[in-house]
Amino acid sequence: MSFPELIRAWQQDEREFYNGDRDDLLLFSEGASIEQIETLEKLLDFQFPKSFRDFYQLADGFSNWHLSQHFLTIWPLSRIAETHDEMVVDPVGAGGFIPFCDYSIHCHFIGFIRGREGIFKSYDSAEPICASFEEALEMIRAGADELY
């Protein structure tokens, strides 16, 4: 599924979950520029995969701190930068964990680990959940059990 199709399907899932009562639910922010993504990469000393860059150029995370029906939030680039600087518990140390999503307002995080392939969830330690950013988005949309 392409990213535009994923976004539309995700929004439709939310409308159906709420019986069409809330059209404002799960709004995506306007896409980020490649320059904004590159600035974050320089700040973090980390290169995001192409799929992350492609998705974020369409949608810079959820807008207005929206939670999905599964209580997950895809962060805007600004929050990725802020949270990386504020991480109290970094499961891999030295700023190696780079989250882009959280569950139920910081209960745990989903993100990348510098120097490792795949996507990880973090409580006090990091556990692999899938191989790619695309797969992570599908899991987040579905509220997959592996995320919790």
C-alpha atoms as a PDB file:
ATOM      1  CA  MET A   1       0.000   0.000   0.000  1.00  0.00           C
ATOM      2  CA  SER A   2       1.380   3.416  -0.901  1.00  0.00           C
ATOM      3  CA  PHE A   3       1.743   6.031   1.829  1.00  0.00           C
ATOM      4  CA  PRO A   4      -1.136   8.192   0.515  1.00  0.00           C
ATOM      5  CA  GLU A   5      -3.335   5.072   0.479  1.00  0.00           C
ATOM      6  CA  LEU A   6      -2.175   4.175   3.995  1.00  0.00           C
ATOM      7  CA  ILE A   7      -3.078   7.630   5.297  1.00  0.00           C
ATOM      8  CA  ARG A   8      -6.547   7.500   3.712  1.00  0.00           C
ATOM      9  CA  ALA A   9      -7.161   3.968   5.003  1.00  0.00           C
ATOM     10  CA  TRP A  10      -5.983   4.963   8.485  1.00  0.00           C
ATOM     11  CA  GLN A  11      -8.357   7.909   8.562  1.00  0.00           C
ATOM     12  CA  GLN A  12     -11.197   5.682   7.340  1.00  0.00           C
ATOM     13  CA  ASP A  13     -10.420   3.132  10.077  1.00  0.00           C
ATOM     14  CA  GLU A  14     -10.719   5.884  12.665  1.00  0.00           C
ATOM     15  CA  ARG A  15     -14.019   7.188  11.254  1.00  0.00           C
ATOM     16  CA  GLU A  16     -15.463   3.673  11.318  1.00  0.00           C
ATOM     17  CA  PHE A  17     -14.186   3.060  14.847  1.00  0.00           C
ATOM     18  CA  TYR A  18     -15.983   6.188  16.032  1.00  0.00           C
ATOM     19  CA  ASN A  19     -19.067   5.463  13.892  1.00  0.00           C
ATOM     20  CA  GLY A  20     -18.437   8.545  11.771  1.00  0.00           C
ATOM     21  CA  ASP A  21     -19.052  10.803  14.781  1.00  0.00           C
ATOM     22  CA  ARG A  22     -15.685  12.520  14.619  1.00  0.00           C
ATOM     23  CA  ASP A  23     -14.380  13.800  11.310  1.00  0.00           C
ATOM     24  CA  ASP A  24     -11.540  15.659  13.021  1.00  0.00           C
ATOM     25  CA  LEU A  25      -9.989  12.513  14.426  1.00  0.00           C
ATOM     26  CA  LEU A  26      -6.512  11.412  13.411  1.00  0.00           C
ATOM     27  CA  LEU A  27      -5.483  14.359  11.348  1.00  0.00           C
ATOM     28  CA  PHE A  28      -2.053  14.238   9.821  1.00  0.00           C
ATOM     29  CA  SER A  29       0.139  17.324   9.789  1.00  0.00           C
ATOM     30  CA  GLU A  30       1.182  18.845   6.498  1.00  0.00           C
ATOM     31  CA  GLY A  31       4.288  17.153   5.136  1.00  0.00           C
ATOM     32  CA  ALA A  32       7.775  18.269   6.107  1.00  0.00           C
ATOM     33  CA  SER A  33      10.299  19.534   3.609  1.00  0.00           C
ATOM     34  CA  ILE A  34      13.371  17.492   2.757  1.00  0.00           C
ATOM     35  CA  GLU A  35      15.385  20.328   4.319  1.00  0.00           C
ATOM     36  CA  GLN A  36      13.543  19.883   7.636  1.00  0.00           C
ATOM     37  CA  ILE A  37      14.226  16.152   7.565  1.00  0.00           C
ATOM     38  CA  GLU A  38      17.902  16.709   6.752  1.00  0.00           C
ATOM     39  CA  THR A  39      18.201  19.261   9.566  1.00  0.00           C
ATOM     40  CA  LEU A  40      16.861  16.682  12.020  1.00  0.00           C
ATOM     41  CA  GLU A  41      19.229  14.063  10.633  1.00  0.00           C
ATOM     42  CA  LYS A  42      22.179  16.391  11.224  1.00  0.00           C
ATOM     43  CA  LEU A  43      20.976  17.178  14.755  1.00  0.00           C
ATOM     44  CA  LEU A  44      20.633  13.486  15.579  1.00  0.00           C
ATOM     45  CA  ASP A  45      23.673  12.383  13.547  1.00  0.00           C
ATOM     46  CA  PHE A  46      21.409   9.738  12.043  1.00  0.00           C
ATOM     47  CA  GLN A  47      20.119   9.060   8.543  1.00  0.00           C
ATOM     48  CA  PHE A  48      16.501   7.967   8.370  1.00  0.00           C
ATOM     49  CA  PRO A  49      15.561   5.314   5.811  1.00  0.00           C
ATOM     50  CA  LYS A  50      14.066   6.445   2.513  1.00  0.00           C
ATOM     51  CA  SER A  51      10.624   5.220   3.581  1.00  0.00           C
ATOM     52  CA  PHE A  52      10.686   7.501   6.637  1.00  0.00           C
ATOM     53  CA  ARG A  53      11.713  10.445   4.475  1.00  0.00           C
ATOM     54  CA  ASP A  54       8.984   9.667   1.926  1.00  0.00           C
ATOM     55  CA  PHE A  55       6.260   9.345   4.562  1.00  0.00           C
ATOM     56  CA  TYR A  56       7.276  12.493   6.444  1.00  0.00           C
ATOM     57  CA  GLN A  57       7.235  14.521   3.235  1.00  0.00           C
ATOM     58  CA  LEU A  58       3.533  13.573   2.985  1.00  0.00           C
ATOM     59  CA  ALA A  59       2.671  13.822   6.677  1.00  0.00           C
ATOM     60  CA  ASP A  60       4.773  15.282   9.477  1.00  0.00           C
ATOM     61  CA  GLY A  61       3.200  12.968  12.057  1.00  0.00           C
ATOM     62  CA  PHE A  62      -0.218  13.327  13.641  1.00  0.00           C
ATOM     63  CA  SER A  63      -1.403  16.874  14.232  1.00  0.00           C
ATOM     64  CA  ASN A  64      -2.369  18.325  17.589  1.00  0.00           C
ATOM     65  CA  TRP A  65      -1.181  15.314  19.591  1.00  0.00           C
ATOM     66  CA  HIS A  66      -3.926  13.100  18.193  1.00  0.00           C
ATOM     67  CA  LEU A  67      -3.949   9.538  19.481  1.00  0.00           C
ATOM     68  CA  SER A  68      -5.062   6.721  17.234  1.00  0.00           C
ATOM     69  CA  GLN A  69      -7.834   4.420  18.416  1.00  0.00           C
ATOM     70  CA  HIS A  70      -4.990   2.215  19.729  1.00  0.00           C
ATOM     71  CA  PHE A  71      -3.561   5.120  21.789  1.00  0.00           C
ATOM     72  CA  LEU A  72      -0.494   5.492  19.582  1.00  0.00           C
ATOM     73  CA  THR A  73       0.869   8.795  18.269  1.00  0.00           C
ATOM     74  CA  ILE A  74       3.163   9.321  15.275  1.00  0.00           C
ATOM     75  CA  TRP A  75       5.297  12.316  16.204  1.00  0.00           C
ATOM     76  CA  PRO A  76       6.133  15.379  14.119  1.00  0.00           C
ATOM     77  CA  LEU A  77       9.820  16.007  13.452  1.00  0.00           C
ATOM     78  CA  SER A  78       9.902  18.720  16.117  1.00  0.00           C
ATOM     79  CA  ARG A  79       8.824  16.234  18.786  1.00  0.00           C
ATOM     80  CA  ILE A  80      11.411  13.690  17.637  1.00  0.00           C
ATOM     81  CA  ALA A  81      14.099  16.343  18.146  1.00  0.00           C
ATOM     82  CA  GLU A  82      12.735  17.466  21.533  1.00  0.00           C
ATOM     83  CA  THR A  83      12.271  13.970  22.891  1.00  0.00           C
ATOM     84  CA  HIS A  84      15.705  12.848  21.789  1.00  0.00           C
ATOM     85  CA  ASP A  85      17.180  15.701  23.841  1.00  0.00           C
ATOM     86  CA  GLU A  86      14.910  14.918  26.818  1.00  0.00           C
ATOM     87  CA  MET A  87      15.122  11.097  26.908  1.00  0.00           C
ATOM     88  CA  VAL A  88      15.335  10.124  30.559  1.00  0.00           C
ATOM     89  CA  VAL A  89      15.611   6.400  29.852  1.00  0.00           C
ATOM     90  CA  ASP A  90      17.521   5.571  26.697  1.00  0.00           C
ATOM     91  CA  PRO A  91      17.498   1.777  26.491  1.00  0.00           C
ATOM     92  CA  VAL A  92      20.697   1.644  24.466  1.00  0.00           C
ATOM     93  CA  GLY A  93      22.508   4.657  25.942  1.00  0.00           C
ATOM     94  CA  ALA A  94      24.343   7.605  24.419  1.00  0.00           C
ATOM     95  CA  GLY A  95      21.340   8.815  22.431  1.00  0.00           C
ATOM     96  CA  GLY A  96      21.225   5.619  20.393  1.00  0.00           C
ATOM     97  CA  PHE A  97      17.451   5.193  20.574  1.00  0.00           C
ATOM     98  CA  ILE A  98      15.524   7.524  18.250  1.00  0.00           C
ATOM     99  CA  PRO A  99      11.763   7.314  18.853  1.00  0.00           C
ATOM    100  CA  PHE A 100       9.118   8.487  16.395  1.00  0.00           C
ATOM    101  CA  CYS A 101       5.996   7.138  18.131  1.00  0.00           C
ATOM    102  CA  ASP A 102       4.693   6.562  21.622  1.00  0.00           C
ATOM    103  CA  TYR A 103       1.932   4.617  23.301  1.00  0.00           C
ATOM    104  CA  SER A 104      -0.513   6.321  25.654  1.00  0.00           C
ATOM    105  CA  ILE A 105       1.507   9.494  26.131  1.00  0.00           C
ATOM    106  CA  HIS A 106       4.998   8.180  26.864  1.00  0.00           C
ATOM    107  CA  CYS A 107       4.178   4.779  28.396  1.00  0.00           C
ATOM    108  CA  HIS A 108       6.658   3.344  25.918  1.00  0.00           C
ATOM    109  CA  PHE A 109       8.252   4.330  22.642  1.00  0.00           C
ATOM    110  CA  ILE A 110       8.708   2.961  19.122  1.00  0.00           C
ATOM    111  CA  GLY A 111      11.724   3.955  17.070  1.00  0.00           C
ATOM    112  CA  PHE A 112      15.093   3.313  15.521  1.00  0.00           C
ATOM    113  CA  ILE A 113      18.387   2.293  17.111  1.00  0.00           C
ATOM    114  CA  ARG A 114      21.496   3.888  15.717  1.00  0.00           C
ATOM    115  CA  GLY A 115      23.602   1.298  13.875  1.00  0.00           C
ATOM    116  CA  ARG A 116      20.927  -1.420  13.869  1.00  0.00           C
ATOM    117  CA  GLU A 117      18.385  -2.407  11.242  1.00  0.00           C
ATOM    118  CA  GLY A 118      14.681  -2.490  12.035  1.00  0.00           C
ATOM    119  CA  ILE A 119      12.225  -0.861  14.397  1.00  0.00           C
ATOM    120  CA  PHE A 120      12.203  -1.330  18.170  1.00  0.00           C
ATOM    121  CA  LYS A 121       9.914  -0.738  21.132  1.00  0.00           C
ATOM    122  CA  SER A 122      11.375   0.605  24.327  1.00  0.00           C
ATOM    123  CA  TYR A 123      10.434   0.295  27.953  1.00  0.00           C
ATOM    124  CA  ASP A 124      13.574  -0.052  30.052  1.00  0.00           C
ATOM    125  CA  SER A 125      15.204  -2.050  27.264  1.00  0.00           C
ATOM    126  CA  ALA A 126      14.753  -2.187  23.506  1.00  0.00           C
ATOM    127  CA  GLU A 127      13.054  -5.086  21.757  1.00  0.00           C
ATOM    128  CA  PRO A 128      12.848  -5.543  17.977  1.00  0.00           C
ATOM    129  CA  ILE A 129       9.302  -5.444  16.590  1.00  0.00           C
ATOM    130  CA  CYS A 130       9.739  -5.417  12.815  1.00  0.00           C
ATOM    131  CA  ALA A 131      12.193  -5.004   9.961  1.00  0.00           C
ATOM    132  CA  SER A 132      11.097  -1.718   8.379  1.00  0.00           C
ATOM    133  CA  PHE A 133       9.459   1.650   8.906  1.00  0.00           C
ATOM    134  CA  GLU A 134       6.698   0.696   6.436  1.00  0.00           C
ATOM    135  CA  GLU A 135       5.913  -2.421   8.440  1.00  0.00           C
ATOM    136  CA  ALA A 136       5.915  -0.385  11.662  1.00  0.00           C
ATOM    137  CA  LEU A 137       3.343   2.033  10.229  1.00  0.00           C
ATOM    138  CA  GLU A 138       1.059  -0.858   9.271  1.00  0.00           C
ATOM    139  CA  MET A 139       1.447  -2.329  12.769  1.00  0.00           C
ATOM    140  CA  ILE A 140       0.717   1.029  14.394  1.00  0.00           C
ATOM    141  CA  ARG A 141      -2.360   1.465  12.216  1.00  0.00           C
ATOM    142  CA  ALA A 142      -3.588  -2.012  13.189  1.00  0.00           C
ATOM    143  CA  GLY A 143      -2.630  -1.752  16.862  1.00  0.00           C
ATOM    144  CA  ALA A 144      -0.634  -4.992  16.501  1.00  0.00           C
ATOM    145  CA  ASP A 145      -0.041  -6.940  19.698  1.00  0.00           C
ATOM    146  CA  GLU A 146       3.741  -6.797  19.176  1.00  0.00           C
ATOM    147  CA  LEU A 147       3.629  -3.068  19.909  1.00  0.00           C
ATOM    148  CA  TYR A 148       2.480  -3.512  23.507  1.00  0.00           C
END
